[in-house]
Amino acid sequence: MDKLYENSETSCCPRFDPEPWDEKEVTFENRLFVRDHVTSFLHIPLNFGKVMVRNMEKIQKAGALAPEPLMLSDEKSLWGSDVYIAVSKDVPDSEMVRISGTFLTKVFEGPYKDAGKWAGAMTEYVRGKARQMRKMYFFYTTCPKCAKFYGKNYTVLLAQV
């Protein structure tokens, strides 16, 4: 899994540009994703790396890597989250899902321990736009190694409205 995005400085995660994602409205129309589950303890992922490696190997083998990385996490409980990895086509032996909808987005930067604060800020942002949030996803833009290399740990929150 070392050479995901060979054109990036790390050969792993591309450098993230927050501008196209910060305080925007985006629409997905049948956007294709591989869905999997991560076990957590109080929202702290226990097997995230293993789940990502397993899925990225399948995605690479199928030649289904999305041109731009997008990995959404639905932090649906203290004990687990569903992850959605954008792909360009179906991936054998994977659960495939399509997501459609309109989303308000906001970029945050800092340690993952601030995720609760970010969620609160996102809720207020959506309220300030006089919209009703149906669901919230976290888009972790880089792996921890790449975030350290780039010196920034960006996370985008997407609120389905």
N, C-alpha and C. Protein backbone atom coordinates (compact mmCIF):
# COMPACT_ATOMS: atom_id res chain seq x y z
N MET A 1 0.81 -1.18 0.00
CA MET A 1 0.00 0.00 0.00
C MET A 1 0.86 1.26 0.00
N ASP A 2 2.16 1.16 -0.23
CA ASP A 2 3.02 2.35 -0.16
C ASP A 2 2.83 3.32 -1.30
N LYS A 3 2.34 2.88 -2.45
CA LYS A 3 2.33 3.73 -3.65
C LYS A 3 0.91 4.02 -4.11
N LEU A 4 0.08 4.51 -3.21
CA LEU A 4 -1.31 4.79 -3.59
C LEU A 4 -1.41 5.87 -4.64
N TYR A 5 -0.87 7.03 -4.32
CA TYR A 5 -0.94 8.17 -5.23
C TYR A 5 0.50 8.56 -5.54
N GLU A 6 1.06 7.93 -6.56
CA GLU A 6 2.47 8.07 -6.87
C GLU A 6 2.90 9.49 -7.17
N ASN A 7 1.98 10.35 -7.60
CA ASN A 7 2.33 11.73 -7.91
C ASN A 7 2.40 12.61 -6.66
N SER A 8 2.00 12.08 -5.50
CA SER A 8 2.06 12.87 -4.28
C SER A 8 3.49 12.88 -3.75
N GLU A 9 3.78 13.84 -2.89
CA GLU A 9 5.13 13.96 -2.32
C GLU A 9 5.51 12.75 -1.47
N THR A 10 4.51 12.07 -0.91
CA THR A 10 4.76 10.94 -0.02
C THR A 10 4.54 9.60 -0.70
N SER A 11 4.04 9.59 -1.93
CA SER A 11 3.59 8.38 -2.64
C SER A 11 2.45 7.69 -1.91
N CYS A 12 1.81 8.42 -1.01
CA CYS A 12 0.67 7.87 -0.25
C CYS A 12 -0.49 8.84 -0.39
N CYS A 13 -0.64 9.76 0.54
CA CYS A 13 -1.73 10.73 0.49
C CYS A 13 -1.28 12.02 -0.19
N PRO A 14 -2.05 12.50 -1.16
CA PRO A 14 -1.70 13.78 -1.77
C PRO A 14 -1.84 14.92 -0.75
N ARG A 15 -1.10 15.99 -0.98
CA ARG A 15 -1.24 17.18 -0.14
C ARG A 15 -2.67 17.70 -0.32
N PHE A 16 -3.32 18.01 0.78
CA PHE A 16 -4.72 18.44 0.74
C PHE A 16 -4.82 19.95 0.62
N ASP A 17 -5.66 20.40 -0.31
CA ASP A 17 -5.96 21.82 -0.48
C ASP A 17 -7.32 22.08 0.16
N PRO A 18 -7.38 22.79 1.29
CA PRO A 18 -8.66 22.98 1.97
C PRO A 18 -9.63 23.91 1.24
N GLU A 19 -9.14 24.80 0.40
CA GLU A 19 -9.99 25.84 -0.20
C GLU A 19 -11.23 25.28 -0.91
N PRO A 20 -11.12 24.27 -1.77
CA PRO A 20 -12.33 23.78 -2.45
C PRO A 20 -13.36 23.14 -1.52
N TRP A 21 -12.99 22.86 -0.28
CA TRP A 21 -13.87 22.17 0.65
C TRP A 21 -14.39 23.07 1.77
N ASP A 22 -13.78 24.22 2.00
CA ASP A 22 -14.14 25.02 3.17
C ASP A 22 -15.36 25.89 2.93
N GLU A 23 -16.39 25.63 3.73
CA GLU A 23 -17.64 26.39 3.68
C GLU A 23 -18.25 26.39 2.28
N LYS A 24 -18.39 25.20 1.74
CA LYS A 24 -18.96 25.00 0.40
C LYS A 24 -20.24 24.17 0.50
N GLU A 25 -20.94 24.11 -0.60
CA GLU A 25 -22.07 23.20 -0.75
C GLU A 25 -21.73 22.28 -1.91
N VAL A 26 -21.71 20.97 -1.64
CA VAL A 26 -21.37 20.00 -2.68
C VAL A 26 -22.53 19.01 -2.82
N THR A 27 -22.63 18.47 -4.02
CA THR A 27 -23.68 17.49 -4.29
C THR A 27 -23.04 16.21 -4.82
N PHE A 28 -23.45 15.10 -4.24
CA PHE A 28 -23.06 13.78 -4.74
C PHE A 28 -24.29 13.19 -5.42
N GLU A 29 -24.08 12.65 -6.61
CA GLU A 29 -25.15 11.96 -7.31
C GLU A 29 -24.70 10.54 -7.60
N ASN A 30 -25.22 9.61 -6.83
CA ASN A 30 -24.85 8.20 -6.96
C ASN A 30 -23.34 7.99 -6.90
N ARG A 31 -22.67 8.70 -6.02
CA ARG A 31 -21.21 8.56 -5.85
C ARG A 31 -20.93 7.17 -5.29
N LEU A 32 -20.02 6.45 -5.92
CA LEU A 32 -19.75 5.05 -5.59
C LEU A 32 -18.68 4.93 -4.51
N PHE A 33 -18.97 4.10 -3.50
CA PHE A 33 -18.06 3.88 -2.38
C PHE A 33 -18.01 2.41 -2.01
N VAL A 34 -16.87 1.99 -1.45
CA VAL A 34 -16.77 0.72 -0.73
C VAL A 34 -17.10 1.05 0.72
N ARG A 35 -17.98 0.27 1.33
CA ARG A 35 -18.32 0.49 2.74
C ARG A 35 -17.77 -0.65 3.57
N ASP A 36 -17.22 -0.28 4.74
CA ASP A 36 -16.73 -1.27 5.70
C ASP A 36 -16.98 -0.71 7.10
N HIS A 37 -16.67 -1.50 8.10
CA HIS A 37 -16.93 -1.12 9.49
C HIS A 37 -15.63 -1.13 10.29
N VAL A 38 -15.47 -0.12 11.13
CA VAL A 38 -14.33 -0.02 12.04
C VAL A 38 -14.85 -0.13 13.46
N THR A 39 -14.23 -0.99 14.25
CA THR A 39 -14.58 -1.13 15.66
C THR A 39 -13.89 -0.02 16.45
N SER A 40 -14.65 0.58 17.38
CA SER A 40 -14.11 1.68 18.18
C SER A 40 -14.41 1.45 19.66
N PHE A 41 -13.69 2.18 20.49
CA PHE A 41 -13.97 2.25 21.91
C PHE A 41 -14.04 3.74 22.24
N LEU A 42 -15.23 4.22 22.57
CA LEU A 42 -15.45 5.64 22.84
C LEU A 42 -14.97 6.50 21.67
N HIS A 43 -15.30 6.11 20.46
CA HIS A 43 -14.95 6.78 19.21
C HIS A 43 -13.46 6.67 18.85
N ILE A 44 -12.68 5.94 19.62
CA ILE A 44 -11.26 5.74 19.28
C ILE A 44 -11.19 4.46 18.45
N PRO A 45 -10.78 4.57 17.18
CA PRO A 45 -10.75 3.37 16.32
C PRO A 45 -9.73 2.35 16.80
N LEU A 46 -10.13 1.08 16.78
CA LEU A 46 -9.25 0.01 17.24
C LEU A 46 -8.62 -0.75 16.08
N ASN A 47 -9.30 -0.81 14.93
CA ASN A 47 -8.78 -1.60 13.81
C ASN A 47 -8.81 -0.81 12.50
N PHE A 48 -8.70 0.51 12.58
CA PHE A 48 -8.80 1.36 11.40
C PHE A 48 -7.74 1.01 10.36
N GLY A 49 -6.49 0.88 10.79
CA GLY A 49 -5.40 0.57 9.86
C GLY A 49 -5.64 -0.73 9.12
N LYS A 50 -6.04 -1.75 9.85
CA LYS A 50 -6.28 -3.07 9.24
C LYS A 50 -7.42 -2.99 8.21
N VAL A 51 -8.49 -2.28 8.57
CA VAL A 51 -9.62 -2.14 7.66
C VAL A 51 -9.20 -1.39 6.40
N MET A 52 -8.42 -0.32 6.57
CA MET A 52 -7.99 0.46 5.41
C MET A 52 -7.06 -0.34 4.51
N VAL A 53 -6.09 -1.04 5.08
CA VAL A 53 -5.16 -1.84 4.28
C VAL A 53 -5.93 -2.89 3.48
N ARG A 54 -6.84 -3.60 4.15
CA ARG A 54 -7.62 -4.65 3.48
C ARG A 54 -8.39 -4.07 2.29
N ASN A 55 -9.05 -2.94 2.50
CA ASN A 55 -9.86 -2.35 1.44
C ASN A 55 -9.01 -1.74 0.34
N MET A 56 -7.93 -1.05 0.69
CA MET A 56 -7.09 -0.43 -0.33
C MET A 56 -6.42 -1.49 -1.20
N GLU A 57 -6.08 -2.62 -0.63
CA GLU A 57 -5.51 -3.71 -1.45
C GLU A 57 -6.54 -4.19 -2.47
N LYS A 58 -7.79 -4.38 -2.05
CA LYS A 58 -8.85 -4.80 -2.97
C LYS A 58 -9.09 -3.74 -4.05
N ILE A 59 -9.11 -2.48 -3.63
CA ILE A 59 -9.38 -1.37 -4.56
C ILE A 59 -8.26 -1.27 -5.59
N GLN A 60 -7.02 -1.36 -5.14
CA GLN A 60 -5.89 -1.31 -6.08
C GLN A 60 -5.91 -2.49 -7.04
N LYS A 61 -6.18 -3.68 -6.51
CA LYS A 61 -6.21 -4.88 -7.35
C LYS A 61 -7.29 -4.76 -8.43
N ALA A 62 -8.40 -4.12 -8.09
CA ALA A 62 -9.50 -3.95 -9.05
C ALA A 62 -9.27 -2.77 -9.99
N GLY A 63 -8.20 -2.00 -9.76
CA GLY A 63 -7.96 -0.81 -10.58
C GLY A 63 -9.05 0.23 -10.40
N ALA A 64 -9.55 0.34 -9.16
CA ALA A 64 -10.71 1.19 -8.90
C ALA A 64 -10.38 2.41 -8.04
N LEU A 65 -9.11 2.74 -7.92
CA LEU A 65 -8.71 3.89 -7.12
C LEU A 65 -9.35 5.16 -7.68
N ALA A 66 -10.00 5.94 -6.83
CA ALA A 66 -10.62 7.20 -7.27
C ALA A 66 -9.52 8.20 -7.64
N PRO A 67 -9.75 9.04 -8.66
CA PRO A 67 -8.73 10.01 -9.06
C PRO A 67 -8.36 10.96 -7.92
N GLU A 68 -9.34 11.34 -7.12
CA GLU A 68 -9.11 12.18 -5.95
C GLU A 68 -9.58 11.39 -4.73
N PRO A 69 -8.73 11.25 -3.72
CA PRO A 69 -9.14 10.45 -2.56
C PRO A 69 -10.28 11.09 -1.79
N LEU A 70 -11.23 10.26 -1.37
CA LEU A 70 -12.33 10.70 -0.52
C LEU A 70 -12.71 9.51 0.34
N MET A 71 -12.54 9.66 1.64
CA MET A 71 -12.88 8.60 2.57
C MET A 71 -13.74 9.23 3.67
N LEU A 72 -14.99 8.82 3.73
CA LEU A 72 -15.92 9.36 4.71
C LEU A 72 -16.08 8.39 5.87
N SER A 73 -16.25 8.94 7.05
CA SER A 73 -16.50 8.13 8.23
C SER A 73 -17.80 8.58 8.87
N ASP A 74 -18.68 7.63 9.11
CA ASP A 74 -19.93 7.88 9.81
C ASP A 74 -19.72 7.39 11.24
N GLU A 75 -19.47 8.32 12.13
CA GLU A 75 -19.20 8.00 13.54
C GLU A 75 -20.53 7.75 14.24
N LYS A 76 -21.15 6.62 13.89
CA LYS A 76 -22.53 6.38 14.30
C LYS A 76 -22.71 5.91 15.74
N SER A 77 -21.63 5.48 16.39
CA SER A 77 -21.75 5.11 17.80
C SER A 77 -20.39 5.19 18.48
N LEU A 78 -20.40 5.09 19.80
CA LEU A 78 -19.15 5.07 20.57
C LEU A 78 -18.32 3.83 20.26
N TRP A 79 -18.98 2.80 19.69
CA TRP A 79 -18.35 1.49 19.55
C TRP A 79 -17.99 1.14 18.11
N GLY A 80 -18.28 2.02 17.18
CA GLY A 80 -17.92 1.72 15.81
C GLY A 80 -18.35 2.79 14.84
N SER A 81 -17.74 2.75 13.67
CA SER A 81 -18.09 3.69 12.60
C SER A 81 -18.08 2.93 11.28
N ASP A 82 -18.85 3.45 10.35
CA ASP A 82 -18.80 2.93 8.99
C ASP A 82 -17.90 3.85 8.18
N VAL A 83 -17.03 3.25 7.38
CA VAL A 83 -16.15 4.03 6.51
C VAL A 83 -16.59 3.80 5.07
N TYR A 84 -16.51 4.86 4.29
CA TYR A 84 -16.90 4.85 2.89
C TYR A 84 -15.71 5.37 2.08
N ILE A 85 -15.16 4.51 1.24
CA ILE A 85 -13.98 4.86 0.45
C ILE A 85 -14.43 5.03 -1.01
N ALA A 86 -14.26 6.25 -1.54
CA ALA A 86 -14.68 6.52 -2.92
C ALA A 86 -13.87 5.67 -3.89
N VAL A 87 -14.56 5.13 -4.87
CA VAL A 87 -13.91 4.30 -5.90
C VAL A 87 -14.46 4.69 -7.27
N SER A 88 -13.72 4.27 -8.30
CA SER A 88 -14.11 4.61 -9.67
C SER A 88 -14.99 3.54 -10.32
N LYS A 89 -15.04 2.34 -9.72
CA LYS A 89 -15.88 1.26 -10.25
C LYS A 89 -16.07 0.21 -9.16
N ASP A 90 -16.93 -0.76 -9.41
CA ASP A 90 -17.19 -1.81 -8.43
C ASP A 90 -15.91 -2.55 -8.07
N VAL A 91 -15.83 -2.97 -6.80
CA VAL A 91 -14.67 -3.70 -6.29
C VAL A 91 -15.17 -5.08 -5.85
N PRO A 92 -14.65 -6.16 -6.45
CA PRO A 92 -15.09 -7.51 -6.07
C PRO A 92 -14.88 -7.78 -4.58
N ASP A 93 -15.76 -8.59 -4.03
CA ASP A 93 -15.70 -9.00 -2.62
C ASP A 93 -15.74 -7.81 -1.66
N SER A 94 -16.45 -6.76 -2.03
CA SER A 94 -16.61 -5.58 -1.19
C SER A 94 -18.08 -5.18 -1.19
N GLU A 95 -18.49 -4.52 -0.10
CA GLU A 95 -19.84 -3.99 -0.05
C GLU A 95 -19.82 -2.63 -0.75
N MET A 96 -20.59 -2.54 -1.82
CA MET A 96 -20.65 -1.31 -2.62
C MET A 96 -21.90 -0.53 -2.24
N VAL A 97 -21.74 0.79 -2.09
CA VAL A 97 -22.89 1.66 -1.82
C VAL A 97 -22.76 2.93 -2.66
N ARG A 98 -23.89 3.54 -2.91
CA ARG A 98 -23.91 4.82 -3.62
C ARG A 98 -24.50 5.86 -2.68
N ILE A 99 -23.89 7.02 -2.66
CA ILE A 99 -24.37 8.11 -1.82
C ILE A 99 -24.76 9.27 -2.71
N SER A 100 -25.96 9.78 -2.45
CA SER A 100 -26.47 10.95 -3.16
C SER A 100 -26.92 11.96 -2.11
N GLY A 101 -26.79 13.23 -2.44
CA GLY A 101 -27.29 14.25 -1.54
C GLY A 101 -26.52 15.54 -1.66
N THR A 102 -27.03 16.54 -0.94
CA THR A 102 -26.39 17.84 -0.86
C THR A 102 -25.77 17.97 0.52
N PHE A 103 -24.54 18.48 0.54
CA PHE A 103 -23.77 18.56 1.78
C PHE A 103 -23.18 19.95 1.95
N LEU A 104 -23.26 20.47 3.17
CA LEU A 104 -22.49 21.66 3.53
C LEU A 104 -21.18 21.16 4.10
N THR A 105 -20.08 21.82 3.75
CA THR A 105 -18.76 21.36 4.18
C THR A 105 -18.04 22.45 4.96
N LYS A 106 -17.16 22.01 5.84
CA LYS A 106 -16.33 22.93 6.60
C LYS A 106 -15.04 22.19 6.94
N VAL A 107 -13.91 22.89 6.80
CA VAL A 107 -12.59 22.30 7.05
C VAL A 107 -12.12 22.67 8.45
N PHE A 108 -11.57 21.68 9.13
CA PHE A 108 -10.97 21.88 10.45
C PHE A 108 -9.53 21.39 10.40
N GLU A 109 -8.69 21.93 11.26
CA GLU A 109 -7.29 21.51 11.29
C GLU A 109 -6.89 21.34 12.75
N GLY A 110 -6.21 20.22 13.03
CA GLY A 110 -5.75 19.98 14.38
C GLY A 110 -5.84 18.51 14.73
N PRO A 111 -5.61 18.19 16.01
CA PRO A 111 -5.60 16.79 16.43
C PRO A 111 -7.01 16.19 16.43
N TYR A 112 -7.07 14.88 16.19
CA TYR A 112 -8.35 14.19 16.13
C TYR A 112 -9.14 14.31 17.43
N LYS A 113 -8.46 14.56 18.55
CA LYS A 113 -9.16 14.67 19.83
C LYS A 113 -10.14 15.85 19.83
N ASP A 114 -9.99 16.77 18.86
CA ASP A 114 -10.90 17.92 18.75
C ASP A 114 -12.16 17.61 17.95
N ALA A 115 -12.34 16.37 17.54
CA ALA A 115 -13.48 16.01 16.68
C ALA A 115 -14.82 16.39 17.29
N GLY A 116 -14.96 16.24 18.59
CA GLY A 116 -16.21 16.61 19.25
C GLY A 116 -16.49 18.11 19.12
N LYS A 117 -15.45 18.92 19.28
CA LYS A 117 -15.59 20.37 19.11
C LYS A 117 -15.95 20.69 17.66
N TRP A 118 -15.31 20.00 16.73
CA TRP A 118 -15.59 20.22 15.31
C TRP A 118 -17.05 19.91 14.99
N ALA A 119 -17.54 18.80 15.54
CA ALA A 119 -18.93 18.40 15.29
C ALA A 119 -19.89 19.48 15.81
N GLY A 120 -19.59 20.02 16.99
CA GLY A 120 -20.41 21.10 17.53
C GLY A 120 -20.37 22.34 16.65
N ALA A 121 -19.17 22.70 16.18
CA ALA A 121 -19.02 23.86 15.30
C ALA A 121 -19.75 23.64 13.99
N MET A 122 -19.72 22.40 13.48
CA MET A 122 -20.41 22.10 12.23
C MET A 122 -21.93 22.21 12.40
N THR A 123 -22.43 21.74 13.53
CA THR A 123 -23.86 21.84 13.82
C THR A 123 -24.29 23.31 13.83
N GLU A 124 -23.48 24.15 14.46
CA GLU A 124 -23.78 25.59 14.50
C GLU A 124 -23.69 26.22 13.11
N TYR A 125 -22.71 25.79 12.33
CA TYR A 125 -22.56 26.30 10.97
C TYR A 125 -23.81 26.01 10.13
N VAL A 126 -24.30 24.78 10.22
CA VAL A 126 -25.50 24.37 9.47
C VAL A 126 -26.71 25.18 9.95
N ARG A 127 -26.85 25.33 11.27
CA ARG A 127 -27.94 26.15 11.82
C ARG A 127 -27.87 27.58 11.31
N GLY A 128 -26.65 28.13 11.28
CA GLY A 128 -26.44 29.49 10.81
C GLY A 128 -26.83 29.68 9.35
N LYS A 129 -26.84 28.60 8.59
CA LYS A 129 -27.26 28.64 7.18
C LYS A 129 -28.75 28.34 7.04
N ALA A 130 -29.44 28.25 8.20
CA ALA A 130 -30.89 27.95 8.23
C ALA A 130 -31.21 26.64 7.52
N ARG A 131 -30.37 25.65 7.73
CA ARG A 131 -30.56 24.33 7.11
C ARG A 131 -30.73 23.29 8.22
N GLN A 132 -31.26 22.15 7.85
CA GLN A 132 -31.49 21.04 8.78
C GLN A 132 -30.51 19.92 8.44
N MET A 133 -29.68 19.51 9.41
CA MET A 133 -28.71 18.44 9.17
C MET A 133 -29.40 17.08 9.30
N ARG A 134 -29.19 16.22 8.29
CA ARG A 134 -29.73 14.86 8.31
C ARG A 134 -28.68 13.86 8.78
N LYS A 135 -27.41 14.13 8.44
CA LYS A 135 -26.33 13.19 8.77
C LYS A 135 -25.02 13.95 8.67
N MET A 136 -24.02 13.50 9.45
CA MET A 136 -22.71 14.13 9.39
C MET A 136 -21.65 13.07 9.11
N TYR A 137 -20.74 13.40 8.19
CA TYR A 137 -19.61 12.53 7.87
C TYR A 137 -18.32 13.29 8.14
N PHE A 138 -17.29 12.54 8.52
CA PHE A 138 -15.95 13.08 8.68
C PHE A 138 -15.12 12.60 7.49
N PHE A 139 -14.41 13.50 6.86
CA PHE A 139 -13.49 13.17 5.76
C PHE A 139 -12.09 13.43 6.29
N TYR A 140 -11.40 12.33 6.65
CA TYR A 140 -10.02 12.43 7.12
C TYR A 140 -9.15 12.48 5.87
N THR A 141 -8.50 13.62 5.64
CA THR A 141 -7.88 13.90 4.34
C THR A 141 -6.55 13.22 4.12
N THR A 142 -5.85 12.86 5.20
CA THR A 142 -4.56 12.18 5.08
C THR A 142 -4.39 11.19 6.22
N CYS A 143 -3.54 10.22 6.01
CA CYS A 143 -3.21 9.30 7.09
C CYS A 143 -2.31 10.04 8.10
N PRO A 144 -2.15 9.51 9.31
CA PRO A 144 -1.32 10.19 10.31
C PRO A 144 0.12 10.45 9.86
N LYS A 145 0.72 9.51 9.13
CA LYS A 145 2.10 9.71 8.65
C LYS A 145 2.20 10.89 7.70
N CYS A 146 1.25 10.97 6.77
CA CYS A 146 1.27 12.06 5.79
C CYS A 146 0.93 13.40 6.45
N ALA A 147 0.00 13.40 7.41
CA ALA A 147 -0.32 14.63 8.14
C ALA A 147 0.93 15.16 8.84
N LYS A 148 1.70 14.27 9.42
CA LYS A 148 2.94 14.69 10.09
C LYS A 148 3.93 15.26 9.06
N PHE A 149 4.06 14.58 7.91
CA PHE A 149 4.96 15.04 6.84
C PHE A 149 4.57 16.43 6.35
N TYR A 150 3.26 16.64 6.12
CA TYR A 150 2.78 17.91 5.59
C TYR A 150 2.68 19.00 6.65
N GLY A 151 2.66 18.61 7.92
CA GLY A 151 2.58 19.59 9.00
C GLY A 151 1.17 20.11 9.25
N LYS A 152 0.18 19.50 8.64
CA LYS A 152 -1.22 19.89 8.82
C LYS A 152 -2.08 18.64 8.86
N ASN A 153 -3.03 18.63 9.78
CA ASN A 153 -3.95 17.50 9.90
C ASN A 153 -5.37 18.01 9.64
N TYR A 154 -5.73 18.09 8.37
CA TYR A 154 -7.04 18.60 7.99
C TYR A 154 -8.10 17.50 8.06
N THR A 155 -9.28 17.89 8.53
CA THR A 155 -10.47 17.04 8.50
C THR A 155 -11.60 17.89 7.97
N VAL A 156 -12.36 17.34 7.03
CA VAL A 156 -13.52 18.04 6.49
C VAL A 156 -14.76 17.38 7.07
N LEU A 157 -15.67 18.20 7.58
CA LEU A 157 -16.96 17.67 7.99
C LEU A 157 -17.97 17.99 6.91
N LEU A 158 -18.76 16.98 6.56
CA LEU A 158 -19.80 17.11 5.55
C LEU A 158 -21.14 16.87 6.25
N ALA A 159 -22.01 17.85 6.19
CA ALA A 159 -23.33 17.74 6.77
C ALA A 159 -24.35 17.58 5.65
N GLN A 160 -25.00 16.43 5.64
CA GLN A 160 -26.04 16.23 4.64
C GLN A 160 -27.26 17.04 5.05
N VAL A 161 -27.74 17.86 4.12
CA VAL A 161 -28.87 18.75 4.42
C VAL A 161 -30.04 18.45 3.48
